[in-house]
PDB file of all heavy atoms in Angstrom:
ATOM      1  N   ALA A   1       7.816  64.735 189.427  1.00  0.00           N
ATOM      2  CA  ALA A   1       8.559  64.610 188.232  1.00  0.00           C
ATOM      3  C   ALA A   1       7.693  64.752 186.971  1.00  0.00           C
ATOM      4  O   ALA A   1       8.225  64.727 185.829  1.00  0.00           O
ATOM      5  CB  ALA A   1       9.266  63.219 188.170  1.00  0.00           C
ATOM      6  N   ALA A   2       6.429  64.962 187.161  1.00  0.00           N
ATOM      7  CA  ALA A   2       5.495  65.034 186.024  1.00  0.00           C
ATOM      8  C   ALA A   2       5.726  66.382 185.301  1.00  0.00           C
ATOM      9  O   ALA A   2       6.332  67.300 185.826  1.00  0.00           O
ATOM     10  CB  ALA A   2       4.056  64.975 186.512  1.00  0.00           C
ATOM     11  N   ARG A   3       5.211  66.456 184.058  1.00  0.00           N
ATOM     12  CA  ARG A   3       5.319  67.692 183.385  1.00  0.00           C
ATOM     13  C   ARG A   3       3.912  68.166 182.959  1.00  0.00           C
ATOM     14  O   ARG A   3       3.222  67.410 182.296  1.00  0.00           O
ATOM     15  CB  ARG A   3       6.164  67.483 182.103  1.00  0.00           C
ATOM     16  CG  ARG A   3       6.447  68.847 181.412  1.00  0.00           C
ATOM     17  CD  ARG A   3       7.423  68.659 180.267  1.00  0.00           C
ATOM     18  NE  ARG A   3       7.727  69.993 179.705  1.00  0.00           N
ATOM     19  CZ  ARG A   3       8.480  70.149 178.608  1.00  0.00           C
ATOM     20  NH1 ARG A   3       9.007  69.081 178.051  1.00  0.00           N
ATOM     21  NH2 ARG A   3       8.739  71.359 178.153  1.00  0.00           N
ATOM     22  N   PRO A   4       3.436  69.317 183.347  1.00  0.00           N
ATOM     23  CA  PRO A   4       4.120  70.296 184.116  1.00  0.00           C
ATOM     24  C   PRO A   4       4.330  69.865 185.610  1.00  0.00           C
ATOM     25  O   PRO A   4       3.552  69.032 186.089  1.00  0.00           O
ATOM     26  CB  PRO A   4       3.259  71.535 184.055  1.00  0.00           C
ATOM     27  CG  PRO A   4       1.910  70.983 183.825  1.00  0.00           C
ATOM     28  CD  PRO A   4       2.064  69.742 183.032  1.00  0.00           C
ATOM     29  N   GLU A   5       5.386  70.391 186.170  1.00  0.00           N
ATOM     30  CA  GLU A   5       5.659  70.015 187.573  1.00  0.00           C
ATOM     31  C   GLU A   5       4.525  70.470 188.494  1.00  0.00           C
ATOM     32  O   GLU A   5       3.955  71.553 188.334  1.00  0.00           O
ATOM     33  CB  GLU A   5       6.985  70.640 188.038  1.00  0.00           C
ATOM     34  CG  GLU A   5       8.182  70.092 187.300  1.00  0.00           C
ATOM     35  CD  GLU A   5       9.454  70.767 187.728  1.00  0.00           C
ATOM     36  OE1 GLU A   5       9.368  71.906 188.226  1.00  0.00           O
ATOM     37  OE2 GLU A   5      10.527  70.208 187.581  1.00  0.00           O
ATOM     38  N   ARG A   6       4.220  69.575 189.468  1.00  0.00           N
ATOM     39  CA  ARG A   6       3.195  69.929 190.462  1.00  0.00           C
ATOM     40  C   ARG A   6       3.740  69.826 191.869  1.00  0.00           C
ATOM     41  O   ARG A   6       4.834  69.205 192.064  1.00  0.00           O
ATOM     42  CB  ARG A   6       2.012  68.968 190.359  1.00  0.00           C
ATOM     43  CG  ARG A   6       1.322  69.054 188.951  1.00  0.00           C
ATOM     44  CD  ARG A   6       0.187  68.092 188.796  1.00  0.00           C
ATOM     45  NE  ARG A   6      -0.494  68.241 187.543  1.00  0.00           N
ATOM     46  CZ  ARG A   6      -1.500  69.070 187.252  1.00  0.00           C
ATOM     47  NH1 ARG A   6      -1.911  69.844 188.245  1.00  0.00           N
ATOM     48  NH2 ARG A   6      -2.024  69.162 186.062  1.00  0.00           N
ATOM     49  N   TYR A   7       3.117  70.520 192.797  1.00  0.00           N
ATOM     50  CA  TYR A   7       3.630  70.557 194.158  1.00  0.00           C
ATOM     51  C   TYR A   7       2.690  69.689 195.059  1.00  0.00           C
ATOM     52  O   TYR A   7       1.491  69.850 195.004  1.00  0.00           O
ATOM     53  CB  TYR A   7       3.612  72.011 194.666  1.00  0.00           C
ATOM     54  CG  TYR A   7       4.770  72.762 194.069  1.00  0.00           C
ATOM     55  CD1 TYR A   7       4.559  73.449 192.833  1.00  0.00           C
ATOM     56  CD2 TYR A   7       6.008  72.892 194.674  1.00  0.00           C
ATOM     57  CE1 TYR A   7       5.548  74.163 192.248  1.00  0.00           C
ATOM     58  CE2 TYR A   7       7.024  73.648 194.089  1.00  0.00           C
ATOM     59  CZ  TYR A   7       6.782  74.300 192.882  1.00  0.00           C
ATOM     60  OH  TYR A   7       7.830  75.019 192.313  1.00  0.00           O
ATOM     61  N   VAL A   8       3.310  68.812 195.862  1.00  0.00           N
ATOM     62  CA  VAL A   8       2.590  67.941 196.761  1.00  0.00           C
ATOM     63  C   VAL A   8       3.268  68.038 198.118  1.00  0.00           C
ATOM     64  O   VAL A   8       4.421  68.534 198.231  1.00  0.00           O
ATOM     65  CB  VAL A   8       2.611  66.485 196.260  1.00  0.00           C
ATOM     66  CG1 VAL A   8       1.911  66.350 194.930  1.00  0.00           C
ATOM     67  CG2 VAL A   8       4.048  65.954 196.158  1.00  0.00           C
ATOM     68  N   PRO A   9       2.607  67.597 199.154  1.00  0.00           N
ATOM     69  CA  PRO A   9       3.246  67.640 200.534  1.00  0.00           C
ATOM     70  C   PRO A   9       4.524  66.828 200.582  1.00  0.00           C
ATOM     71  O   PRO A   9       4.544  65.700 200.042  1.00  0.00           O
ATOM     72  CB  PRO A   9       2.130  67.123 201.465  1.00  0.00           C
ATOM     73  CG  PRO A   9       0.885  67.322 200.732  1.00  0.00           C
ATOM     74  CD  PRO A   9       1.208  67.172 199.306  1.00  0.00           C
ATOM     75  N   ALA A  10       5.523  67.355 201.212  1.00  0.00           N
ATOM     76  CA  ALA A  10       6.781  66.586 201.298  1.00  0.00           C
ATOM     77  C   ALA A  10       6.727  65.494 202.345  1.00  0.00           C
ATOM     78  O   ALA A  10       7.522  64.579 202.384  1.00  0.00           O
ATOM     79  CB  ALA A  10       7.975  67.548 201.664  1.00  0.00           C
ATOM     80  N   ARG A  11       5.745  65.584 203.239  1.00  0.00           N
ATOM     81  CA  ARG A  11       5.516  64.573 204.331  1.00  0.00           C
ATOM     82  C   ARG A  11       4.097  64.628 204.695  1.00  0.00           C
ATOM     83  O   ARG A  11       3.271  65.405 204.130  1.00  0.00           O
ATOM     84  CB  ARG A  11       6.453  64.807 205.517  1.00  0.00           C
ATOM     85  CG  ARG A  11       6.540  66.270 205.930  1.00  0.00           C
ATOM     86  CD  ARG A  11       7.818  66.522 206.734  1.00  0.00           C
ATOM     87  NE  ARG A  11       8.106  67.984 206.885  1.00  0.00           N
ATOM     88  CZ  ARG A  11       7.993  68.636 207.997  1.00  0.00           C
ATOM     89  NH1 ARG A  11       7.549  68.055 209.108  1.00  0.00           N
ATOM     90  NH2 ARG A  11       8.285  69.927 208.088  1.00  0.00           N
ATOM     91  N   ALA A  12       3.705  63.760 205.652  1.00  0.00           N
ATOM     92  CA  ALA A  12       2.320  63.713 206.088  1.00  0.00           C
ATOM     93  C   ALA A  12       1.848  65.121 206.589  1.00  0.00           C
ATOM     94  O   ALA A  12       2.597  65.770 207.239  1.00  0.00           O
ATOM     95  CB  ALA A  12       2.136  62.671 207.185  1.00  0.00           C
ATOM     96  N   LEU A  13       0.636  65.465 206.251  1.00  0.00           N
ATOM     97  CA  LEU A  13       0.139  66.800 206.621  1.00  0.00           C
ATOM     98  C   LEU A  13       0.127  66.984 208.144  1.00  0.00           C
ATOM     99  O   LEU A  13       0.338  68.090 208.628  1.00  0.00           O
ATOM    100  CB  LEU A  13      -1.230  67.041 206.053  1.00  0.00           C
ATOM    101  CG  LEU A  13      -1.377  67.152 204.533  1.00  0.00           C
ATOM    102  CD1 LEU A  13      -2.832  67.255 204.100  1.00  0.00           C
ATOM    103  CD2 LEU A  13      -0.513  68.254 203.980  1.00  0.00           C
ATOM    104  N   GLU A  14      -0.201  65.905 208.901  1.00  0.00           N
ATOM    105  CA  GLU A  14      -0.228  66.020 210.341  1.00  0.00           C
ATOM    106  C   GLU A  14       1.152  66.179 210.952  1.00  0.00           C
ATOM    107  O   GLU A  14       1.275  66.531 212.125  1.00  0.00           O
ATOM    108  CB  GLU A  14      -0.942  64.839 210.986  1.00  0.00           C
ATOM    109  CG  GLU A  14      -0.347  63.514 210.570  1.00  0.00           C
ATOM    110  CD  GLU A  14      -1.005  62.937 209.317  1.00  0.00           C
ATOM    111  OE1 GLU A  14      -1.693  63.698 208.596  1.00  0.00           O
ATOM    112  OE2 GLU A  14      -0.914  61.710 209.092  1.00  0.00           O
ATOM    113  N   ALA A  15       2.183  65.972 210.120  1.00  0.00           N
ATOM    114  CA  ALA A  15       3.556  66.198 210.596  1.00  0.00           C
ATOM    115  C   ALA A  15       4.124  67.558 210.207  1.00  0.00           C
ATOM    116  O   ALA A  15       5.312  67.774 210.396  1.00  0.00           O
ATOM    117  CB  ALA A  15       4.456  65.030 210.063  1.00  0.00           C
ATOM    118  N   ILE A  16       3.307  68.413 209.646  1.00  0.00           N
ATOM    119  CA  ILE A  16       3.773  69.750 209.215  1.00  0.00           C
ATOM    120  C   ILE A  16       3.046  70.790 210.090  1.00  0.00           C
ATOM    121  O   ILE A  16       1.871  71.160 209.871  1.00  0.00           O
ATOM    122  CB  ILE A  16       3.446  69.999 207.749  1.00  0.00           C
ATOM    123  CG1 ILE A  16       4.072  68.906 206.862  1.00  0.00           C
ATOM    124  CG2 ILE A  16       3.945  71.352 207.338  1.00  0.00           C
ATOM    125  CD1 ILE A  16       3.753  69.070 205.385  1.00  0.00           C
ATOM    126  N   PRO A  17       3.685  71.283 211.137  1.00  0.00           N
ATOM    127  CA  PRO A  17       3.085  72.339 211.944  1.00  0.00           C
ATOM    128  C   PRO A  17       2.930  73.637 211.147  1.00  0.00           C
ATOM    129  O   PRO A  17       3.724  73.972 210.228  1.00  0.00           O
ATOM    130  CB  PRO A  17       4.094  72.559 213.105  1.00  0.00           C
ATOM    131  CG  PRO A  17       4.987  71.366 213.097  1.00  0.00           C
ATOM    132  CD  PRO A  17       5.048  70.887 211.633  1.00  0.00           C
ATOM    133  N   VAL A  18       1.820  74.351 211.390  1.00  0.00           N
ATOM    134  CA  VAL A  18       1.632  75.623 210.712  1.00  0.00           C
ATOM    135  C   VAL A  18       2.767  76.589 211.033  1.00  0.00           C
ATOM    136  O   VAL A  18       3.222  77.373 210.130  1.00  0.00           O
ATOM    137  CB  VAL A  18       0.269  76.253 211.193  1.00  0.00           C
ATOM    138  CG1 VAL A  18       0.111  77.669 210.588  1.00  0.00           C
ATOM    139  CG2 VAL A  18      -0.849  75.361 210.819  1.00  0.00           C
ATOM    140  N   LYS A  19       3.318  76.543 212.194  1.00  0.00           N
ATOM    141  CA  LYS A  19       4.435  77.413 212.572  1.00  0.00           C
ATOM    142  C   LYS A  19       5.661  77.179 211.667  1.00  0.00           C
ATOM    143  O   LYS A  19       6.424  78.132 211.403  1.00  0.00           O
ATOM    144  CB  LYS A  19       4.804  77.145 214.033  1.00  0.00           C
ATOM    145  CG  LYS A  19       5.896  78.062 214.578  1.00  0.00           C
ATOM    146  CD  LYS A  19       5.559  79.468 214.651  1.00  0.00           C
ATOM    147  CE  LYS A  19       6.457  80.298 215.547  1.00  0.00           C
ATOM    148  NZ  LYS A  19       7.825  80.105 215.264  1.00  0.00           N
ATOM    149  N   SER A  20       5.839  75.892 211.239  1.00  0.00           N
ATOM    150  CA  SER A  20       7.022  75.636 210.344  1.00  0.00           C
ATOM    151  C   SER A  20       6.885  76.363 209.030  1.00  0.00           C
ATOM    152  O   SER A  20       7.938  76.656 208.369  1.00  0.00           O
ATOM    153  CB  SER A  20       7.183  74.159 210.129  1.00  0.00           C
ATOM    154  OG  SER A  20       6.108  73.620 209.361  1.00  0.00           O
ATOM    155  N   VAL A  21       5.690  76.607 208.524  1.00  0.00           N
ATOM    156  CA  VAL A  21       5.541  77.305 207.274  1.00  0.00           C
ATOM    157  C   VAL A  21       5.971  78.763 207.435  1.00  0.00           C
ATOM    158  O   VAL A  21       6.722  79.325 206.590  1.00  0.00           O
ATOM    159  CB  VAL A  21       4.044  77.312 206.810  1.00  0.00           C
ATOM    160  CG1 VAL A  21       3.838  78.081 205.543  1.00  0.00           C
ATOM    161  CG2 VAL A  21       3.580  75.837 206.613  1.00  0.00           C
ATOM    162  N   LEU A  22       5.623  79.391 208.564  1.00  0.00           N
ATOM    163  CA  LEU A  22       6.001  80.721 208.802  1.00  0.00           C
ATOM    164  C   LEU A  22       7.540  80.839 209.047  1.00  0.00           C
ATOM    165  O   LEU A  22       8.224  81.755 208.638  1.00  0.00           O
ATOM    166  CB  LEU A  22       5.259  81.309 210.034  1.00  0.00           C
ATOM    167  CG  LEU A  22       3.741  81.377 209.890  1.00  0.00           C
ATOM    168  CD1 LEU A  22       3.136  81.829 211.194  1.00  0.00           C
ATOM    169  CD2 LEU A  22       3.333  82.338 208.717  1.00  0.00           C
ATOM    170  N   ASP A  23       8.083  79.816 209.769  1.00  0.00           N
ATOM    171  CA  ASP A  23       9.527  79.791 210.001  1.00  0.00           C
ATOM    172  C   ASP A  23      10.271  79.660 208.690  1.00  0.00           C
ATOM    173  O   ASP A  23      11.374  80.237 208.566  1.00  0.00           O
ATOM    174  CB  ASP A  23       9.863  78.628 210.929  1.00  0.00           C
ATOM    175  CG  ASP A  23       9.392  78.889 212.357  1.00  0.00           C
ATOM    176  OD1 ASP A  23       9.109  80.058 212.698  1.00  0.00           O
ATOM    177  OD2 ASP A  23       9.270  77.884 213.140  1.00  0.00           O
ATOM    178  N   ALA A  24       9.776  78.917 207.760  1.00  0.00           N
ATOM    179  CA  ALA A  24      10.474  78.656 206.483  1.00  0.00           C
ATOM    180  C   ALA A  24      10.621  80.008 205.724  1.00  0.00           C
ATOM    181  O   ALA A  24      11.686  80.288 205.099  1.00  0.00           O
ATOM    182  CB  ALA A  24       9.694  77.700 205.591  1.00  0.00           C
ATOM    183  N   ILE A  25       9.632  80.861 205.836  1.00  0.00           N
ATOM    184  CA  ILE A  25       9.710  82.181 205.159  1.00  0.00           C
ATOM    185  C   ILE A  25      10.605  83.172 205.934  1.00  0.00           C
ATOM    186  O   ILE A  25      11.352  83.888 205.363  1.00  0.00           O
ATOM    187  CB  ILE A  25       8.303  82.748 204.949  1.00  0.00           C
ATOM    188  CG1 ILE A  25       7.503  81.889 203.957  1.00  0.00           C
ATOM    189  CG2 ILE A  25       8.342  84.160 204.495  1.00  0.00           C
ATOM    190  CD1 ILE A  25       8.108  81.767 202.633  1.00  0.00           C
ATOM    191  N   ALA A  26      10.502  83.045 207.244  1.00  0.00           N
ATOM    192  CA  ALA A  26      11.284  83.978 208.079  1.00  0.00           C
ATOM    193  C   ALA A  26      12.759  83.711 207.943  1.00  0.00           C
ATOM    194  O   ALA A  26      13.614  84.624 208.080  1.00  0.00           O
ATOM    195  CB  ALA A  26      10.879  83.813 209.536  1.00  0.00           C
ATOM    196  N   LEU A  27      13.133  82.458 207.660  1.00  0.00           N
ATOM    197  CA  LEU A  27      14.538  82.108 207.551  1.00  0.00           C
ATOM    198  C   LEU A  27      15.104  82.117 206.128  1.00  0.00           C
ATOM    199  O   LEU A  27      16.177  81.645 205.868  1.00  0.00           O
ATOM    200  CB  LEU A  27      14.756  80.675 208.146  1.00  0.00           C
ATOM    201  CG  LEU A  27      14.416  80.503 209.607  1.00  0.00           C
ATOM    202  CD1 LEU A  27      14.588  79.059 210.052  1.00  0.00           C
ATOM    203  CD2 LEU A  27      15.355  81.403 210.477  1.00  0.00           C
ATOM    204  N   SER A  28      14.326  82.640 205.165  1.00  0.00           N
ATOM    205  CA  SER A  28      14.813  82.774 203.805  1.00  0.00           C
ATOM    206  C   SER A  28      14.735  84.240 203.355  1.00  0.00           C
ATOM    207  O   SER A  28      14.037  85.073 203.942  1.00  0.00           O
ATOM    208  CB  SER A  28      13.899  81.975 202.911  1.00  0.00           C
ATOM    209  OG  SER A  28      12.610  82.475 202.820  1.00  0.00           O
ATOM    210  N   ASP A  29      15.525  84.552 202.301  1.00  0.00           N
ATOM    211  CA  ASP A  29      15.517  85.910 201.806  1.00  0.00           C
ATOM    212  C   ASP A  29      14.454  86.046 200.723  1.00  0.00           C
ATOM    213  O   ASP A  29      13.675  85.154 200.434  1.00  0.00           O
ATOM    214  CB  ASP A  29      16.926  86.242 201.267  1.00  0.00           C
ATOM    215  CG  ASP A  29      17.390  85.367 200.076  1.00  0.00           C
ATOM    216  OD1 ASP A  29      16.518  84.620 199.598  1.00  0.00           O
ATOM    217  OD2 ASP A  29      18.539  85.405 199.780  1.00  0.00           O
ATOM    218  N   ASP A  30      14.474  87.228 200.009  1.00  0.00           N
ATOM    219  CA  ASP A  30      13.447  87.477 199.027  1.00  0.00           C
ATOM    220  C   ASP A  30      13.511  86.553 197.834  1.00  0.00           C
ATOM    221  O   ASP A  30      12.512  86.377 197.123  1.00  0.00           O
ATOM    222  CB  ASP A  30      13.553  88.933 198.515  1.00  0.00           C
ATOM    223  CG  ASP A  30      13.188  89.926 199.622  1.00  0.00           C
ATOM    224  OD1 ASP A  30      12.526  89.487 200.591  1.00  0.00           O
ATOM    225  OD2 ASP A  30      13.503  91.126 199.493  1.00  0.00           O
ATOM    226  N   ASP A  31      14.660  85.948 197.604  1.00  0.00           N
ATOM    227  CA  ASP A  31      14.816  85.011 196.486  1.00  0.00           C
ATOM    228  C   ASP A  31      14.603  83.577 196.845  1.00  0.00           C
ATOM    229  O   ASP A  31      14.789  82.721 196.075  1.00  0.00           O
ATOM    230  CB  ASP A  31      16.245  85.201 195.861  1.00  0.00           C
ATOM    231  CG  ASP A  31      16.431  86.537 195.205  1.00  0.00           C
ATOM    232  OD1 ASP A  31      15.423  87.077 194.668  1.00  0.00           O
ATOM    233  OD2 ASP A  31      17.568  87.068 195.263  1.00  0.00           O
ATOM    234  N   GLY A  32      14.138  83.374 198.120  1.00  0.00           N
ATOM    235  CA  GLY A  32      13.832  81.985 198.512  1.00  0.00           C
ATOM    236  C   GLY A  32      14.986  81.259 199.012  1.00  0.00           C
ATOM    237  O   GLY A  32      14.865  80.065 199.437  1.00  0.00           O
ATOM    238  N   ARG A  33      16.183  81.823 198.984  1.00  0.00           N
ATOM    239  CA  ARG A  33      17.402  81.194 199.449  1.00  0.00           C
ATOM    240  C   ARG A  33      17.528  81.283 200.982  1.00  0.00           C
ATOM    241  O   ARG A  33      16.960  82.147 201.570  1.00  0.00           O
ATOM    242  CB  ARG A  33      18.622  81.735 198.811  1.00  0.00           C
ATOM    243  CG  ARG A  33      18.662  81.574 197.288  1.00  0.00           C
ATOM    244  CD  ARG A  33      19.775  82.324 196.684  1.00  0.00           C
ATOM    245  NE  ARG A  33      19.619  83.787 196.889  1.00  0.00           N
ATOM    246  CZ  ARG A  33      20.377  84.684 196.358  1.00  0.00           C
ATOM    247  NH1 ARG A  33      21.380  84.336 195.551  1.00  0.00           N
ATOM    248  NH2 ARG A  33      20.177  85.997 196.569  1.00  0.00           N
ATOM    249  N   GLU A  34      18.277  80.360 201.514  1.00  0.00           N
ATOM    250  CA  GLU A  34      18.442  80.419 203.007  1.00  0.00           C
ATOM    251  C   GLU A  34      19.172  81.666 203.397  1.00  0.00           C
ATOM    252  O   GLU A  34      20.198  81.979 202.803  1.00  0.00           O
ATOM    253  CB  GLU A  34      19.229  79.154 203.440  1.00  0.00           C
ATOM    254  CG  GLU A  34      19.320  79.065 204.983  1.00  0.00           C
ATOM    255  CD  GLU A  34      19.935  77.746 205.416  1.00  0.00           C
ATOM    256  OE1 GLU A  34      20.270  76.935 204.529  1.00  0.00           O
ATOM    257  OE2 GLU A  34      20.166  77.567 206.596  1.00  0.00           O
ATOM    258  N   ASP A  35      18.644  82.382 204.336  1.00  0.00           N
ATOM    259  CA  ASP A  35      19.236  83.629 204.761  1.00  0.00           C
ATOM    260  C   ASP A  35      20.472  83.370 205.660  1.00  0.00           C
ATOM    261  O   ASP A  35      20.337  82.978 206.825  1.00  0.00           O
ATOM    262  CB  ASP A  35      18.230  84.459 205.566  1.00  0.00           C
ATOM    263  CG  ASP A  35      18.650  85.904 205.737  1.00  0.00           C
ATOM    264  OD1 ASP A  35      19.835  86.216 205.351  1.00  0.00           O
ATOM    265  OD2 ASP A  35      17.897  86.728 206.274  1.00  0.00           O
ATOM    266  N   ALA A  36      21.629  83.488 205.071  1.00  0.00           N
ATOM    267  CA  ALA A  36      22.880  83.159 205.785  1.00  0.00           C
ATOM    268  C   ALA A  36      23.365  84.322 206.652  1.00  0.00           C
ATOM    269  O   ALA A  36      24.266  84.170 207.420  1.00  0.00           O
ATOM    270  CB  ALA A  36      23.992  82.766 204.830  1.00  0.00           C
ATOM    271  N   PHE A  37      22.779  85.481 206.478  1.00  0.00           N
ATOM    272  CA  PHE A  37      23.207  86.694 207.244  1.00  0.00           C
ATOM    273  C   PHE A  37      22.538  86.702 208.612  1.00  0.00           C
ATOM    274  O   PHE A  37      21.315  86.756 208.693  1.00  0.00           O
ATOM    275  CB  PHE A  37      22.872  87.977 206.448  1.00  0.00           C
ATOM    276  CG  PHE A  37      23.384  89.204 207.053  1.00  0.00           C
ATOM    277  CD1 PHE A  37      24.730  89.491 206.936  1.00  0.00           C
ATOM    278  CD2 PHE A  37      22.584  90.087 207.791  1.00  0.00           C
ATOM    279  CE1 PHE A  37      25.264  90.649 207.506  1.00  0.00           C
ATOM    280  CE2 PHE A  37      23.096  91.207 208.377  1.00  0.00           C
ATOM    281  CZ  PHE A  37      24.433  91.491 208.197  1.00  0.00           C
ATOM    282  N   SER A  38      23.259  86.575 209.648  1.00  0.00           N
ATOM    283  CA  SER A  38      22.733  86.590 210.992  1.00  0.00           C
ATOM    284  C   SER A  38      23.232  87.709 211.831  1.00  0.00           C
ATOM    285  O   SER A  38      24.361  88.118 211.649  1.00  0.00           O
ATOM    286  CB  SER A  38      23.056  85.234 211.669  1.00  0.00           C
ATOM    287  OG  SER A  38      24.477  85.049 211.740  1.00  0.00           O
ATOM    288  N   VAL A  39      22.373  88.220 212.660  1.00  0.00           N
ATOM    289  CA  VAL A  39      22.740  89.344 213.500  1.00  0.00           C
ATOM    290  C   VAL A  39      22.480  88.938 214.967  1.00  0.00           C
ATOM    291  O   VAL A  39      21.454  88.360 215.267  1.00  0.00           O
ATOM    292  CB  VAL A  39      21.916  90.600 213.197  1.00  0.00           C
ATOM    293  CG1 VAL A  39      22.202  91.704 214.150  1.00  0.00           C
ATOM    294  CG2 VAL A  39      22.141  91.020 211.745  1.00  0.00           C
ATOM    295  N   THR A  40      23.517  89.198 215.819  1.00  0.00           N
ATOM    296  CA  THR A  40      23.333  88.920 217.228  1.00  0.00           C
ATOM    297  C   THR A  40      22.674  90.111 217.899  1.00  0.00           C
ATOM    298  O   THR A  40      23.251  91.227 218.024  1.00  0.00           O
ATOM    299  CB  THR A  40      24.740  88.647 217.884  1.00  0.00           C
ATOM    300  OG1 THR A  40      25.331  87.567 217.260  1.00  0.00           O
ATOM    301  CG2 THR A  40      24.496  88.317 219.384  1.00  0.00           C
ATOM    302  N   PRO A  41      21.386  89.983 218.298  1.00  0.00           N
ATOM    303  CA  PRO A  41      20.646  91.182 218.835  1.00  0.00           C
ATOM    304  C   PRO A  41      21.144  91.509 220.258  1.00  0.00           C
ATOM    305  O   PRO A  41      21.681  90.683 220.951  1.00  0.00           O
ATOM    306  CB  PRO A  41      19.203  90.717 218.785  1.00  0.00           C
ATOM    307  CG  PRO A  41      19.298  89.194 218.962  1.00  0.00           C
ATOM    308  CD  PRO A  41      20.575  88.751 218.279  1.00  0.00           C
ATOM    309  N   GLU A  42      20.871  92.746 220.621  1.00  0.00           N
ATOM    310  CA  GLU A  42      21.117  93.209 221.987  1.00  0.00           C
ATOM    311  C   GLU A  42      20.144  92.390 222.930  1.00  0.00           C
ATOM    312  O   GLU A  42      19.111  91.923 222.536  1.00  0.00           O
ATOM    313  CB  GLU A  42      20.840  94.702 222.028  1.00  0.00           C
ATOM    314  CG  GLU A  42      21.354  95.382 223.294  1.00  0.00           C
ATOM    315  CD  GLU A  42      20.273  95.586 224.356  1.00  0.00           C
ATOM    316  OE1 GLU A  42      19.107  95.499 223.942  1.00  0.00           O
ATOM    317  OE2 GLU A  42      20.612  95.740 225.504  1.00  0.00           O
ATOM    318  N   ALA A  43      20.538  92.307 224.198  1.00  0.00           N
ATOM    319  CA  ALA A  43      19.865  91.415 225.126  1.00  0.00           C
ATOM    320  C   ALA A  43      18.343  91.723 225.210  1.00  0.00           C
ATOM    321  O   ALA A  43      17.525  90.794 225.223  1.00  0.00           O
ATOM    322  CB  ALA A  43      20.500  91.512 226.520  1.00  0.00           C
ATOM    323  N   ARG A  44      18.005  93.000 225.270  1.00  0.00           N
ATOM    324  CA  ARG A  44      16.529  93.315 225.388  1.00  0.00           C
ATOM    325  C   ARG A  44      15.811  92.979 224.120  1.00  0.00           C
ATOM    326  O   ARG A  44      14.709  92.545 224.162  1.00  0.00           O
ATOM    327  CB  ARG A  44      16.408  94.802 225.751  1.00  0.00           C
ATOM    328  CG  ARG A  44      16.903  95.186 227.124  1.00  0.00           C
ATOM    329  CD  ARG A  44      16.928  96.690 227.312  1.00  0.00           C
ATOM    330  NE  ARG A  44      17.943  97.292 226.436  1.00  0.00           N
ATOM    331  CZ  ARG A  44      18.167  98.625 226.321  1.00  0.00           C
ATOM    332  NH1 ARG A  44      17.451  99.473 227.051  1.00  0.00           N
ATOM    333  NH2 ARG A  44      19.074  99.067 225.529  1.00  0.00           N
ATOM    334  N   VAL A  45      16.454  93.198 222.962  1.00  0.00           N
ATOM    335  CA  VAL A  45      15.847  92.855 221.710  1.00  0.00           C
ATOM    336  C   VAL A  45      15.662  91.318 221.590  1.00  0.00           C
ATOM    337  O   VAL A  45      14.687  90.838 221.146  1.00  0.00           O
ATOM    338  CB  VAL A  45      16.694  93.391 220.503  1.00  0.00           C
ATOM    339  CG1 VAL A  45      16.095  92.914 219.175  1.00  0.00           C
ATOM    340  CG2 VAL A  45      16.762  94.924 220.577  1.00  0.00           C
TER     341      VAL A  45
END
């Protein structure tokens, strides 16, 4: 809530897997919003 706004961990660092950082980006669009468009891939894909 400080001005200027700063970014801090939302939870304990040991509770944040590195994979979750990559998943957060993979599940969002270019504007940072949650990607609601889902595609059901073919079985081999």
